[in-house]
Amino acid sequence: MVSFTREDKGAMEAKGYVAGKSEVGYVYYPAEGVKTSEEIAVNYIEYPWLTRFEVEGIEPS
């Protein structure tokens, strides 16, 4: 799941999240319980019936 926040990087890190930089801004994910690859990608995909974000490089451990 991808969501957006207006909180700054320091506030999110204080809540236990790690920040990764992407083309659309920072990607925040829990510091524990996930595996990440070297590169995290957030893809904005438009279909004729749906627009969505897809995240690559983060999965549950």
C-alpha atoms as a PDB file:
ATOM      1  CA  MET A   1       0.000   0.000   0.000  1.00  0.00           C
ATOM      2  CA  VAL A   2       1.235   3.474  -0.820  1.00  0.00           C
ATOM      3  CA  SER A   3       0.014   6.564   0.958  1.00  0.00           C
ATOM      4  CA  PHE A   4       1.016  10.186   1.184  1.00  0.00           C
ATOM      5  CA  THR A   5       1.825  12.287   4.227  1.00  0.00           C
ATOM      6  CA  ARG A   6       2.539  15.912   4.959  1.00  0.00           C
ATOM      7  CA  GLU A   7       4.774  14.981   7.868  1.00  0.00           C
ATOM      8  CA  ASP A   8       8.461  15.638   7.398  1.00  0.00           C
ATOM      9  CA  LYS A   9      11.193  13.028   7.264  1.00  0.00           C
ATOM     10  CA  GLY A  10      12.220  13.535  10.904  1.00  0.00           C
ATOM     11  CA  ALA A  11       8.665  13.012  12.178  1.00  0.00           C
ATOM     12  CA  MET A  12       8.264   9.813  10.178  1.00  0.00           C
ATOM     13  CA  GLU A  13      11.626   8.474  11.360  1.00  0.00           C
ATOM     14  CA  ALA A  14      10.592   9.196  14.968  1.00  0.00           C
ATOM     15  CA  LYS A  15       7.558   6.946  14.358  1.00  0.00           C
ATOM     16  CA  GLY A  16       9.827   4.056  13.318  1.00  0.00           C
ATOM     17  CA  TYR A  17       9.878   4.500   9.554  1.00  0.00           C
ATOM     18  CA  VAL A  18      12.852   4.520   7.200  1.00  0.00           C
ATOM     19  CA  ALA A  19      12.877   6.958   4.279  1.00  0.00           C
ATOM     20  CA  GLY A  20      13.954   6.052   0.761  1.00  0.00           C
ATOM     21  CA  LYS A  21      14.128   8.650  -2.012  1.00  0.00           C
ATOM     22  CA  SER A  22      12.114   8.055  -5.188  1.00  0.00           C
ATOM     23  CA  GLU A  23      11.197  10.085  -8.256  1.00  0.00           C
ATOM     24  CA  VAL A  24       7.945  11.191  -6.605  1.00  0.00           C
ATOM     25  CA  GLY A  25       9.489  12.036  -3.212  1.00  0.00           C
ATOM     26  CA  TYR A  26      10.292  10.022  -0.121  1.00  0.00           C
ATOM     27  CA  VAL A  27       8.972   6.490   0.342  1.00  0.00           C
ATOM     28  CA  TYR A  28       8.465   5.601   4.005  1.00  0.00           C
ATOM     29  CA  TYR A  29       8.391   2.002   5.182  1.00  0.00           C
ATOM     30  CA  PRO A  30       8.611   0.320   8.613  1.00  0.00           C
ATOM     31  CA  ALA A  31      12.147  -0.109   9.961  1.00  0.00           C
ATOM     32  CA  GLU A  32      11.299  -3.706  10.963  1.00  0.00           C
ATOM     33  CA  GLY A  33       9.317  -6.474   9.311  1.00  0.00           C
ATOM     34  CA  VAL A  34      10.147  -5.731   5.674  1.00  0.00           C
ATOM     35  CA  LYS A  35      12.848  -6.694   3.191  1.00  0.00           C
ATOM     36  CA  THR A  36      14.088  -4.143   0.684  1.00  0.00           C
ATOM     37  CA  SER A  37      16.140  -4.397  -2.468  1.00  0.00           C
ATOM     38  CA  GLU A  38      18.835  -1.860  -3.301  1.00  0.00           C
ATOM     39  CA  GLU A  39      16.426   0.310  -5.254  1.00  0.00           C
ATOM     40  CA  ILE A  40      12.881   1.167  -4.262  1.00  0.00           C
ATOM     41  CA  ALA A  41      10.629   2.299  -7.086  1.00  0.00           C
ATOM     42  CA  VAL A  42       7.200   3.908  -6.968  1.00  0.00           C
ATOM     43  CA  ASN A  43       5.453   3.574 -10.308  1.00  0.00           C
ATOM     44  CA  TYR A  44       2.448   5.666 -11.288  1.00  0.00           C
ATOM     45  CA  ILE A  45       0.351   3.529 -13.628  1.00  0.00           C
ATOM     46  CA  GLU A  46      -2.630   4.714 -15.653  1.00  0.00           C
ATOM     47  CA  TYR A  47      -5.052   2.216 -17.126  1.00  0.00           C
ATOM     48  CA  PRO A  48      -8.216   3.223 -18.999  1.00  0.00           C
ATOM     49  CA  TRP A  49     -10.263   2.076 -15.997  1.00  0.00           C
ATOM     50  CA  LEU A  50      -7.889   2.767 -13.074  1.00  0.00           C
ATOM     51  CA  THR A  51      -4.977   4.923 -11.945  1.00  0.00           C
ATOM     52  CA  ARG A  52      -2.726   3.514  -9.219  1.00  0.00           C
ATOM     53  CA  PHE A  53       0.688   3.497  -7.627  1.00  0.00           C
ATOM     54  CA  GLU A  54       2.781   0.344  -7.525  1.00  0.00           C
ATOM     55  CA  VAL A  55       5.803  -0.104  -5.251  1.00  0.00           C
ATOM     56  CA  GLU A  56       8.753  -2.294  -6.180  1.00  0.00           C
ATOM     57  CA  GLY A  57      11.630  -3.265  -3.914  1.00  0.00           C
ATOM     58  CA  ILE A  58       9.737  -3.621  -0.596  1.00  0.00           C
ATOM     59  CA  GLU A  59       8.113  -6.822   0.642  1.00  0.00           C
ATOM     60  CA  PRO A  60       7.105  -8.326   4.001  1.00  0.00           C
ATOM     61  CA  SER A  61       9.819 -10.406   5.645  1.00  0.00           C
END
